[in-house]
Amino acid sequence: MKEISRRDFLKKSSATLAGMIVVPSIVPSSVLGKAYNHRAPSDKLNIMAVGIGGRGAADLSAMETENIIALCDCDWKYADHIFKKYPKAARYNDYRKMYDEQLKSADAVLVATADHTHAIIAADAIMAGKHVYVEKPMTLYVYESRLLAMLAKKYKVATQMGNQGASMAGTRKAINWLWNGEIGEVKRIDSFTNRPIWPQGIPTPKEKEAVPSTMNWNAFIGPAKYRDYNSAYTPWNFRGWWDFGSGALGDMANHILQVAFKGLNLGSPSEIMASSTMLMSDSCPSAEAITYRFPARPNMPKLALPECELNWYDGGLRPNLPINMPAGKNFDENGVTVYYGTKDTMVVGTYGIDPFLVSGRDPQVPQLCRVVKDDNHQQDWIRACKESPENRVKSESDFSYSGPLNEMIVMGVAAVRLQGLRQWLKWDGKNMKFTNIPENKTISFVEEDKFHINDGHPTFDRKYTEPINANEYAAKLIKPEYHNGYKLPELPY
């Protein structure tokens, strides 16, 4: 055979390969074209962000490997430090204008606004074919969670809810213990958080304050019913108002209950009952106690899944400590979940941190969970964004998982608001409705609470809302009414 040089061999090999249909993973997406719906890991995403002054700032810091092309916040004073941090990014105070001008150039959108605007901002992005990362809670209502999960599936985009503990080592350890049968069957779960650490259980402000020049108040209100500006509502304190947030349960349960939901395959509860401190019409209560009941689920290889009861506490309420806690072990003050198994009891902190068994054992078990590289929740989503839909490994809190998780949580929020019915509420998860509220039952709430002491005698002077039909009210707690020209999309069946 005639000897050929290395250079000639490479030239001939390249020519041969050029005639073949080969899509190496290192080829930039600009070469592949949009038809492949794929970006190489070496490429950078163009990311826009809505809601950047608070939690969105931390998410952006974890996404700085990519191009941050546009930023939006309705409160430019609150967000000023982030605008300055990314000076090349275009600035907006209304996401709709940003979408009009920048969405075609974007690959993905981060949503970290007040809870009540998560769904509409994310839905608009998904329907434009953009990947989305949405802070917890994913949405304020059950219907919205179902909607985002279905839209994400239809448009084949990469998604992630911002419950970052889902990607961490502690969460994997706790789930591995469950799946390996280390604590046996679990029929009771107790969970609590130290939240709220923002104002709740307070009357609606009566004062009309001037809207700051740096605030786009209409953009903050979004699809909620309009009300005059007051500094009690935002920033950060929106969590304590029903129209904008979902209290301690909505804020923290996506972090605290993720191990329970995934590790025990909880799915949709069959019934629920809730109670709280004084239930007001506008402000979330200062403390809550909620019990979910779950039916038996199909058994896993090493774990049977019988009927299970989950008890949630917040606002200073908490369950009793397990008996015989190991020396030096205490509850995480931010929040804890206790799993009572037939073989052992497991304690897991907020975000899945520092799980331990009350017996003192530290079993070494097979790695049964998917491992997220560097435990980085945001980068796990970015990786998924760059993979084709056909070959994509879903991120750890993809909407196919986090949608049902958030549904369970905000259904609990609805149960708190229906506690005046004083009954177990049976839940039809498939059809998203409570099924046993009496037909003509009415419900009302405290609008204003006045307490006086006259000559040593207490006097209660509470003003209640007008009674409303409980079934109609419950339906609105599941599927909201949008206002101010915003339109709630229909489910894409």
Protein backbone atom coordinates (compact mmCIF):
# COMPACT_ATOMS: atom_id res chain seq x y z
CA MET A 1 0.00 0.00 0.00
CA LYS A 2 1.14 3.48 -0.74
CA GLU A 3 2.12 5.25 2.45
CA ILE A 4 0.17 8.45 3.14
CA SER A 5 1.09 11.30 5.44
CA ARG A 6 -0.85 12.17 8.59
CA ARG A 7 -1.86 15.50 7.01
CA ASP A 8 -3.27 13.76 3.88
CA PHE A 9 -5.12 11.28 6.07
CA LEU A 10 -6.78 14.06 8.09
CA LYS A 11 -7.76 15.92 4.91
CA LYS A 12 -9.38 12.82 3.38
CA SER A 13 -11.09 11.93 6.67
CA SER A 14 -12.53 15.43 6.98
CA ALA A 15 -13.84 15.31 3.43
CA THR A 16 -15.49 11.96 4.07
CA LEU A 17 -17.10 13.15 7.30
CA ALA A 18 -18.38 16.28 5.61
CA GLY A 19 -20.56 14.12 3.37
CA MET A 20 -22.10 12.27 6.29
CA ILE A 21 -25.03 13.36 8.48
CA VAL A 22 -23.20 13.75 11.78
CA VAL A 23 -24.24 16.05 14.65
CA PRO A 24 -21.40 16.09 17.17
CA SER A 25 -22.32 17.59 20.55
CA ILE A 26 -19.51 20.13 20.28
CA VAL A 27 -20.79 21.73 17.09
CA PRO A 28 -22.22 25.19 17.89
CA SER A 29 -25.94 25.63 17.50
CA SER A 30 -25.32 28.39 14.97
CA VAL A 31 -23.97 25.69 12.66
CA LEU A 32 -26.77 23.21 13.39
CA GLY A 33 -29.55 25.73 13.01
CA LYS A 34 -32.77 26.09 14.95
CA ALA A 35 -34.28 23.06 13.26
CA TYR A 36 -32.32 20.85 15.64
CA ASN A 37 -33.70 22.71 18.69
CA HIS A 38 -30.35 22.16 20.35
CA ARG A 39 -27.54 24.25 21.76
CA ALA A 40 -24.10 22.85 22.35
CA PRO A 41 -22.80 22.97 25.93
CA SER A 42 -20.14 25.39 24.70
CA ASP A 43 -22.80 27.89 23.60
CA LYS A 44 -24.28 30.49 25.93
CA LEU A 45 -27.97 31.00 26.45
CA ASN A 46 -29.52 34.43 26.13
CA ILE A 47 -31.43 34.83 29.40
CA MET A 48 -33.98 37.44 30.43
CA ALA A 49 -35.08 37.89 34.04
CA VAL A 50 -38.28 39.25 35.57
CA GLY A 51 -38.20 40.12 39.28
CA ILE A 52 -34.55 40.70 40.14
CA GLY A 53 -34.35 42.63 43.40
CA GLY A 54 -34.69 39.70 45.82
CA ARG A 55 -34.43 35.97 45.15
CA GLY A 56 -33.97 36.66 41.45
CA ALA A 57 -30.63 38.29 42.23
CA ALA A 58 -29.28 35.05 43.71
CA ASP A 59 -30.55 33.04 40.74
CA LEU A 60 -28.88 35.41 38.29
CA SER A 61 -25.57 35.04 40.13
CA ALA A 62 -25.76 31.30 39.52
CA MET A 63 -26.53 31.87 35.83
CA GLU A 64 -23.63 34.18 35.00
CA THR A 65 -22.08 31.54 32.76
CA GLU A 66 -24.71 32.68 30.22
CA ASN A 67 -25.62 35.99 28.53
CA ILE A 68 -27.93 38.13 30.66
CA ILE A 69 -29.56 40.21 27.93
CA ALA A 70 -32.54 41.91 29.61
CA LEU A 71 -33.77 42.64 33.14
CA CYS A 72 -37.20 43.64 34.39
CA ASP A 73 -38.46 44.75 37.79
CA CYS A 74 -41.45 46.88 38.69
CA ASP A 75 -39.47 48.44 41.57
CA TRP A 76 -36.33 50.07 40.21
CA LYS A 77 -35.18 51.23 43.65
CA TYR A 78 -35.26 47.66 44.99
CA ALA A 79 -33.60 46.31 41.85
CA ASP A 80 -31.05 49.10 41.36
CA HIS A 81 -28.07 47.03 42.58
CA ILE A 82 -28.83 44.34 40.01
CA PHE A 83 -29.27 46.77 37.14
CA LYS A 84 -25.83 48.13 38.02
CA LYS A 85 -24.35 44.62 38.26
CA TYR A 86 -25.39 43.82 34.67
CA PRO A 87 -24.96 47.15 32.87
CA LYS A 88 -25.17 45.66 29.38
CA ALA A 89 -28.64 44.21 29.95
CA ALA A 90 -31.65 46.14 28.69
CA ARG A 91 -33.88 47.50 31.51
CA TYR A 92 -37.65 47.34 31.86
CA ASN A 93 -40.35 47.81 34.47
CA ASP A 94 -43.06 45.78 32.70
CA TYR A 95 -42.38 42.27 31.43
CA ARG A 96 -44.83 42.69 28.54
CA LYS A 97 -42.76 45.48 26.99
CA MET A 98 -39.59 43.47 27.53
CA TYR A 99 -41.16 40.49 25.78
CA ASP A 100 -42.29 42.70 22.89
CA GLU A 101 -38.77 43.98 22.35
CA GLN A 102 -36.47 41.17 23.49
CA LEU A 103 -38.23 37.80 23.47
CA LYS A 104 -37.16 36.90 19.93
CA SER A 105 -33.53 37.23 20.98
CA ALA A 106 -33.94 35.19 24.16
CA ASP A 107 -33.58 31.47 24.76
CA ALA A 108 -34.80 31.39 28.36
CA VAL A 109 -36.55 33.42 31.06
CA LEU A 110 -36.04 33.56 34.83
CA VAL A 111 -39.22 34.46 36.75
CA ALA A 112 -38.78 35.58 40.38
CA THR A 113 -41.60 38.09 40.84
CA ALA A 114 -44.33 38.08 43.48
CA ASP A 115 -46.17 34.73 43.49
CA HIS A 116 -49.33 35.92 41.75
CA THR A 117 -47.53 36.83 38.52
CA HIS A 118 -45.40 33.68 38.17
CA ALA A 119 -47.96 31.82 36.07
CA ILE A 120 -48.79 34.44 33.45
CA ILE A 121 -45.16 35.53 32.91
CA ALA A 122 -43.99 31.93 32.59
CA ALA A 123 -46.92 30.87 30.39
CA ASP A 124 -46.28 33.70 27.94
CA ALA A 125 -42.63 32.67 27.69
CA ILE A 126 -43.36 28.96 27.26
CA MET A 127 -45.92 29.57 24.53
CA ALA A 128 -43.20 31.53 22.72
CA GLY A 129 -40.99 28.43 22.93
CA LYS A 130 -38.69 29.71 25.67
CA HIS A 131 -37.25 27.71 28.55
CA VAL A 132 -38.28 28.95 32.01
CA TYR A 133 -36.92 28.90 35.54
CA VAL A 134 -39.65 29.93 38.02
CA GLU A 135 -39.05 30.65 41.67
CA LYS A 136 -41.10 28.86 44.30
CA PRO A 137 -43.96 28.63 44.78
CA MET A 138 -44.32 27.81 41.12
CA THR A 139 -47.78 29.38 41.09
CA LEU A 140 -50.40 30.72 43.48
CA TYR A 141 -53.21 28.39 42.35
CA VAL A 142 -53.65 24.70 41.49
CA TYR A 143 -54.95 25.39 37.99
CA GLU A 144 -51.92 27.55 37.19
CA SER A 145 -49.53 24.74 38.21
CA ARG A 146 -51.39 22.25 36.03
CA LEU A 147 -51.33 24.77 33.18
CA LEU A 148 -47.57 25.39 33.29
CA ALA A 149 -46.79 21.67 33.45
CA MET A 150 -49.00 20.97 30.44
CA LEU A 151 -47.65 23.91 28.45
CA ALA A 152 -44.06 22.86 29.14
CA LYS A 153 -44.85 19.37 27.85
CA LYS A 154 -46.60 20.70 24.74
CA TYR A 155 -43.86 23.16 23.79
CA LYS A 156 -41.01 20.81 24.83
CA VAL A 157 -39.10 23.42 26.82
CA ALA A 158 -36.75 22.89 29.75
CA THR A 159 -38.20 23.98 33.08
CA GLN A 160 -37.20 24.27 36.71
CA MET A 161 -38.88 25.47 39.88
CA GLY A 162 -36.54 27.29 42.24
CA ASN A 163 -36.67 24.88 45.18
CA GLN A 164 -32.92 24.50 45.07
CA GLY A 165 -32.72 21.87 47.80
CA ALA A 166 -34.10 19.37 45.28
CA SER A 167 -30.63 19.25 43.72
CA MET A 168 -28.62 18.92 46.94
CA ALA A 169 -26.79 15.96 48.44
CA GLY A 170 -28.86 15.89 51.64
CA THR A 171 -32.06 15.45 49.67
CA ARG A 172 -30.54 12.55 47.72
CA LYS A 173 -29.34 10.90 50.93
CA ALA A 174 -32.77 11.09 52.55
CA ILE A 175 -34.55 9.77 49.44
CA ASN A 176 -32.00 6.97 49.06
CA TRP A 177 -32.70 5.89 52.64
CA LEU A 178 -36.43 5.87 51.95
CA TRP A 179 -36.16 4.00 48.65
CA ASN A 180 -33.77 1.46 50.16
CA GLY A 181 -36.30 0.68 52.89
CA GLU A 182 -34.06 1.92 55.73
CA ILE A 183 -36.91 3.29 57.86
CA GLY A 184 -39.66 0.97 56.60
CA GLU A 185 -43.23 1.99 55.83
CA VAL A 186 -44.14 5.60 56.59
CA LYS A 187 -47.68 6.36 57.70
CA ARG A 188 -47.06 9.66 59.50
CA ILE A 189 -45.04 12.72 58.54
CA ASP A 190 -44.73 15.87 60.68
CA SER A 191 -43.32 19.05 59.15
CA PHE A 192 -42.86 22.64 60.28
CA THR A 193 -41.22 25.94 59.39
CA ASN A 194 -40.30 29.00 61.44
CA ARG A 195 -41.95 31.21 58.82
CA PRO A 196 -43.60 33.63 58.51
CA ILE A 197 -40.85 36.09 59.32
CA TRP A 198 -42.78 38.84 57.49
CA PRO A 199 -46.03 40.49 58.66
CA GLN A 200 -49.18 38.34 58.52
CA GLY A 201 -52.55 38.32 60.23
CA ILE A 202 -52.85 42.08 59.91
CA PRO A 203 -55.69 44.31 58.69
CA THR A 204 -55.75 45.78 55.22
CA PRO A 205 -54.06 49.22 55.17
CA LYS A 206 -56.57 52.06 54.85
CA GLU A 207 -54.05 54.71 53.90
CA LYS A 208 -53.47 55.49 50.25
CA GLU A 209 -49.80 56.24 49.80
CA ALA A 210 -48.22 57.97 46.84
CA VAL A 211 -46.68 55.54 44.38
CA PRO A 212 -42.89 56.02 44.38
CA SER A 213 -41.46 57.41 41.17
CA THR A 214 -39.31 54.29 40.85
CA MET A 215 -42.31 51.92 41.06
CA ASN A 216 -44.56 50.64 38.27
CA TRP A 217 -47.49 49.80 40.53
CA ASN A 218 -49.74 48.56 37.73
CA ALA A 219 -47.08 46.06 36.70
CA PHE A 220 -46.85 44.79 40.28
CA ILE A 221 -50.63 44.36 40.53
CA GLY A 222 -50.64 42.40 37.28
CA PRO A 223 -53.64 40.03 37.06
CA ALA A 224 -54.73 40.64 40.69
CA LYS A 225 -57.70 42.83 41.54
CA TYR A 226 -56.57 46.44 41.61
CA ARG A 227 -55.87 48.15 44.95
CA ASP A 228 -54.13 51.37 45.85
CA TYR A 229 -50.43 51.33 46.57
CA ASN A 230 -49.18 50.87 50.13
CA SER A 231 -45.67 50.07 51.28
CA ALA A 232 -47.09 47.20 53.38
CA TYR A 233 -47.45 45.11 50.21
CA THR A 234 -44.01 45.15 48.64
CA PRO A 235 -41.11 44.47 48.49
CA TRP A 236 -40.86 41.04 50.14
CA ASN A 237 -43.97 41.44 52.32
CA PHE A 238 -46.20 40.37 49.42
CA ARG A 239 -45.95 36.83 50.83
CA GLY A 240 -48.36 37.75 53.61
CA TRP A 241 -51.26 38.89 51.37
CA TRP A 242 -53.65 36.43 49.73
CA ASP A 243 -53.80 38.33 46.44
CA PHE A 244 -50.03 38.33 46.03
CA GLY A 245 -48.63 35.43 48.08
CA SER A 246 -49.49 32.23 49.87
CA GLY A 247 -48.14 32.62 53.40
CA ALA A 248 -45.65 30.33 55.08
CA LEU A 249 -47.00 27.17 53.46
CA GLY A 250 -46.66 28.46 49.91
CA ASP A 251 -43.31 30.06 50.59
CA MET A 252 -41.51 27.19 52.33
CA ALA A 253 -43.28 23.88 51.69
CA ASN A 254 -41.71 23.46 48.24
CA HIS A 255 -38.38 23.40 50.08
CA ILE A 256 -39.40 21.38 53.11
CA LEU A 257 -41.75 18.78 51.61
CA GLN A 258 -39.78 17.91 48.48
CA VAL A 259 -38.22 14.82 50.09
CA ALA A 260 -41.63 13.59 51.25
CA PHE A 261 -43.30 14.18 47.90
CA LYS A 262 -40.62 12.50 45.81
CA GLY A 263 -39.34 9.96 48.30
CA LEU A 264 -42.79 8.61 49.14
CA ASN A 265 -44.41 9.29 45.76
CA LEU A 266 -47.21 11.13 47.56
CA GLY A 267 -49.06 12.45 44.54
CA SER A 268 -52.44 14.03 45.15
CA PRO A 269 -54.06 13.85 48.62
CA SER A 270 -57.51 12.37 49.07
CA GLU A 271 -58.64 14.78 51.79
CA ILE A 272 -57.43 17.67 53.89
CA MET A 273 -58.33 19.74 56.93
CA ALA A 274 -56.79 23.03 58.07
CA SER A 275 -56.96 25.49 60.96
CA SER A 276 -55.15 28.70 61.80
CA THR A 277 -55.06 31.79 63.92
CA MET A 278 -57.71 34.37 63.03
CA LEU A 279 -58.55 34.06 59.34
CA MET A 280 -58.79 37.45 57.72
CA SER A 281 -60.13 38.29 54.31
CA ASP A 282 -56.95 39.85 52.95
CA SER A 283 -53.93 38.81 55.03
CA CYS A 284 -52.63 35.28 55.54
CA PRO A 285 -52.89 34.00 59.14
CA SER A 286 -49.92 34.23 61.48
CA ALA A 287 -49.91 30.47 62.19
CA GLU A 288 -51.41 27.38 60.51
CA ALA A 289 -51.89 23.66 61.11
CA ILE A 290 -52.82 21.49 58.12
CA THR A 291 -53.31 17.74 57.77
CA TYR A 292 -53.12 16.01 54.38
CA ARG A 293 -54.27 12.41 53.94
CA PHE A 294 -52.85 10.38 51.06
CA PRO A 295 -54.18 7.07 49.74
CA ALA A 296 -51.95 4.01 49.36
CA ARG A 297 -49.69 4.15 46.30
CA PRO A 298 -48.09 1.34 44.27
CA ASN A 299 -45.18 -0.19 46.18
CA MET A 300 -41.59 0.45 45.17
CA PRO A 301 -39.00 -2.39 44.98
CA LYS A 302 -37.88 -1.97 48.60
CA LEU A 303 -40.55 0.35 49.99
CA ALA A 304 -44.25 -0.24 50.57
CA LEU A 305 -46.40 2.90 50.31
CA PRO A 306 -49.49 2.56 52.53
CA GLU A 307 -51.98 5.30 53.41
CA CYS A 308 -50.11 8.25 54.87
CA GLU A 309 -50.89 11.38 56.89
CA LEU A 310 -48.81 14.55 56.62
CA ASN A 311 -49.11 17.25 59.28
CA TRP A 312 -47.85 20.77 58.53
CA TYR A 313 -47.22 23.50 61.11
CA ASP A 314 -45.99 27.09 60.81
CA GLY A 315 -45.94 30.40 62.67
CA GLY A 316 -44.38 28.97 65.84
CA LEU A 317 -46.43 25.77 65.95
CA ARG A 318 -44.41 22.57 65.75
CA PRO A 319 -44.68 18.83 66.39
CA ASN A 320 -43.16 17.10 69.41
CA LEU A 321 -39.57 15.90 69.21
CA PRO A 322 -39.08 12.24 68.35
CA ILE A 323 -38.34 10.04 71.37
CA ASN A 324 -34.67 9.24 72.07
CA MET A 325 -33.07 11.82 69.79
CA PRO A 326 -29.38 11.03 69.20
CA ALA A 327 -26.92 12.97 71.32
CA GLY A 328 -26.08 16.32 69.77
CA LYS A 329 -28.93 16.19 67.26
CA ASN A 330 -31.53 18.95 67.14
CA PHE A 331 -34.17 20.27 64.78
CA ASP A 332 -33.12 22.73 62.09
CA GLU A 333 -34.79 25.91 63.36
CA ASN A 334 -35.70 26.98 59.82
CA GLY A 335 -37.83 23.92 59.29
CA VAL A 336 -37.90 20.16 59.62
CA THR A 337 -39.74 17.08 58.41
CA VAL A 338 -39.96 13.97 60.61
CA TYR A 339 -40.74 10.61 58.98
CA TYR A 340 -42.08 7.95 61.33
CA GLY A 341 -41.26 4.57 59.78
CA THR A 342 -41.92 1.05 60.98
CA LYS A 343 -38.15 0.45 61.28
CA ASP A 344 -36.74 3.87 62.19
CA THR A 345 -37.49 7.60 62.34
CA MET A 346 -35.84 10.05 59.95
CA VAL A 347 -35.36 13.79 60.48
CA VAL A 348 -34.64 16.07 57.49
CA GLY A 349 -33.92 19.81 57.59
CA THR A 350 -35.06 22.57 55.25
CA TYR A 351 -33.74 22.14 51.68
CA GLY A 352 -33.06 18.49 52.61
CA ILE A 353 -30.01 19.40 54.70
CA ASP A 354 -28.46 17.14 57.31
CA PRO A 355 -30.80 14.14 57.30
CA PHE A 356 -30.30 11.71 60.18
CA LEU A 357 -31.94 8.65 61.70
CA VAL A 358 -33.13 8.80 65.29
CA SER A 359 -31.60 5.36 65.90
CA GLY A 360 -28.17 6.87 65.29
CA ARG A 361 -27.49 4.63 62.28
CA ASP A 362 -25.85 6.09 59.17
CA PRO A 363 -26.52 3.41 56.55
CA GLN A 364 -24.49 3.41 53.37
CA VAL A 365 -26.89 2.59 50.54
CA PRO A 366 -26.76 2.49 46.73
CA GLN A 367 -27.13 5.79 44.87
CA LEU A 368 -30.72 5.48 43.68
CA CYS A 369 -31.30 9.14 42.84
CA ARG A 370 -30.01 11.11 39.90
CA VAL A 371 -26.95 13.16 40.94
CA VAL A 372 -26.96 16.85 40.00
CA LYS A 373 -23.50 18.10 39.04
CA ASP A 374 -22.06 20.29 41.82
CA ASP A 375 -25.54 20.30 43.43
CA ASN A 376 -26.15 23.39 41.28
CA HIS A 377 -29.89 23.79 40.70
CA GLN A 378 -29.65 26.69 38.24
CA GLN A 379 -26.90 25.10 36.17
CA ASP A 380 -28.85 21.85 36.05
CA TRP A 381 -31.62 23.80 34.32
CA ILE A 382 -29.15 25.50 31.97
CA ARG A 383 -27.80 22.10 30.99
CA ALA A 384 -31.34 20.89 30.22
CA CYS A 385 -31.98 23.99 28.12
CA LYS A 386 -29.07 23.09 25.87
CA GLU A 387 -30.20 19.54 25.25
CA SER A 388 -32.63 18.56 22.52
CA PRO A 389 -36.14 17.58 23.69
CA GLU A 390 -35.62 14.04 22.41
CA ASN A 391 -32.43 13.50 24.43
CA ARG A 392 -33.01 15.89 27.33
CA VAL A 393 -32.41 14.67 30.86
CA LYS A 394 -35.02 16.58 32.83
CA SER A 395 -33.80 18.95 35.50
CA GLU A 396 -34.39 17.90 39.08
CA SER A 397 -37.44 20.13 39.58
CA ASP A 398 -38.81 19.99 36.05
CA PHE A 399 -42.46 21.04 35.92
CA SER A 400 -43.52 17.44 35.32
CA TYR A 401 -42.47 16.87 38.94
CA SER A 402 -42.71 20.29 40.57
CA GLY A 403 -46.12 21.04 39.06
CA PRO A 404 -47.84 18.25 41.03
CA LEU A 405 -45.78 19.14 44.13
CA ASN A 406 -46.89 22.75 43.97
CA GLU A 407 -50.48 21.67 43.29
CA MET A 408 -50.48 19.76 46.58
CA ILE A 409 -49.10 22.74 48.45
CA VAL A 410 -51.38 25.46 47.12
CA MET A 411 -54.37 23.15 47.48
CA GLY A 412 -53.45 23.28 51.17
CA VAL A 413 -53.49 27.06 51.00
CA ALA A 414 -57.05 26.82 49.65
CA ALA A 415 -58.00 24.51 52.53
CA VAL A 416 -56.77 27.09 55.04
CA ARG A 417 -59.07 29.66 53.46
CA LEU A 418 -61.96 27.19 53.61
CA GLN A 419 -61.44 26.19 57.24
CA GLY A 420 -64.66 27.96 58.24
CA LEU A 421 -66.51 24.96 56.81
CA ARG A 422 -65.17 22.94 59.76
CA GLN A 423 -64.93 19.66 57.89
CA TRP A 424 -62.58 17.32 56.09
CA LEU A 425 -62.44 18.41 52.47
CA LYS A 426 -62.35 15.59 49.96
CA TRP A 427 -60.12 16.36 46.98
CA ASP A 428 -60.46 15.20 43.39
CA GLY A 429 -56.96 15.79 42.06
CA LYS A 430 -57.69 14.77 38.50
CA ASN A 431 -60.47 17.34 38.15
CA MET A 432 -58.96 19.87 40.57
CA LYS A 433 -61.92 20.35 42.90
CA PHE A 434 -63.25 19.73 46.39
CA THR A 435 -66.14 17.32 46.12
CA ASN A 436 -68.00 17.38 49.43
CA ILE A 437 -68.78 21.04 50.18
CA PRO A 438 -72.54 21.30 50.86
CA GLU A 439 -74.39 22.90 47.97
CA ASN A 440 -75.78 25.98 49.73
CA LYS A 441 -73.03 26.40 52.33
CA THR A 442 -71.74 29.95 52.81
CA ILE A 443 -68.50 31.26 54.26
CA SER A 444 -67.22 34.63 55.51
CA PHE A 445 -64.00 36.09 56.91
CA VAL A 446 -62.81 38.67 59.38
CA GLU A 447 -62.37 42.00 57.64
CA GLU A 448 -61.43 44.03 60.68
CA ASP A 449 -60.77 43.00 64.27
CA LYS A 450 -61.22 45.40 67.17
CA PHE A 451 -60.67 44.48 70.79
CA HIS A 452 -61.44 46.82 73.66
CA ILE A 453 -61.29 46.61 77.44
CA ASN A 454 -63.88 48.78 79.17
CA ASP A 455 -63.77 48.86 82.96
CA GLY A 456 -61.91 45.57 82.96
CA HIS A 457 -64.34 43.83 80.64
CA PRO A 458 -63.22 42.59 77.19
CA THR A 459 -65.25 43.61 74.17
CA PHE A 460 -64.87 42.00 70.76
CA ASP A 461 -65.92 44.09 67.79
CA ARG A 462 -65.18 42.11 64.65
CA LYS A 463 -66.33 43.12 61.21
CA TYR A 464 -66.98 40.21 58.86
CA THR A 465 -67.29 40.04 55.09
CA GLU A 466 -70.68 39.31 53.58
CA PRO A 467 -71.35 35.54 53.35
CA ILE A 468 -70.48 34.03 49.98
CA ASN A 469 -71.26 30.66 48.43
CA ALA A 470 -68.56 28.25 49.57
CA ASN A 471 -68.47 26.18 46.36
CA GLU A 472 -68.12 29.25 44.15
CA TYR A 473 -65.42 30.60 46.43
CA ALA A 474 -63.57 27.27 46.47
CA ALA A 475 -63.58 27.17 42.67
CA LYS A 476 -61.85 30.57 42.57
CA LEU A 477 -59.22 29.34 45.03
CA ILE A 478 -58.33 26.65 42.50
CA LYS A 479 -58.72 28.54 39.22
CA PRO A 480 -58.34 32.30 39.71
CA GLU A 481 -59.99 35.18 37.94
CA TYR A 482 -57.53 37.45 36.15
CA HIS A 483 -58.08 41.20 36.04
CA ASN A 484 -56.72 44.34 34.37
CA GLY A 485 -56.71 42.92 30.86
CA TYR A 486 -54.65 39.81 31.66
CA LYS A 487 -56.03 36.56 30.29
CA LEU A 488 -55.61 33.18 31.97
CA PRO A 489 -54.76 30.61 29.28
CA GLU A 490 -56.87 27.46 28.99
CA LEU A 491 -55.37 24.04 29.56
CA PRO A 492 -53.87 22.71 26.30
CA TYR A 493 -55.66 19.37 26.22
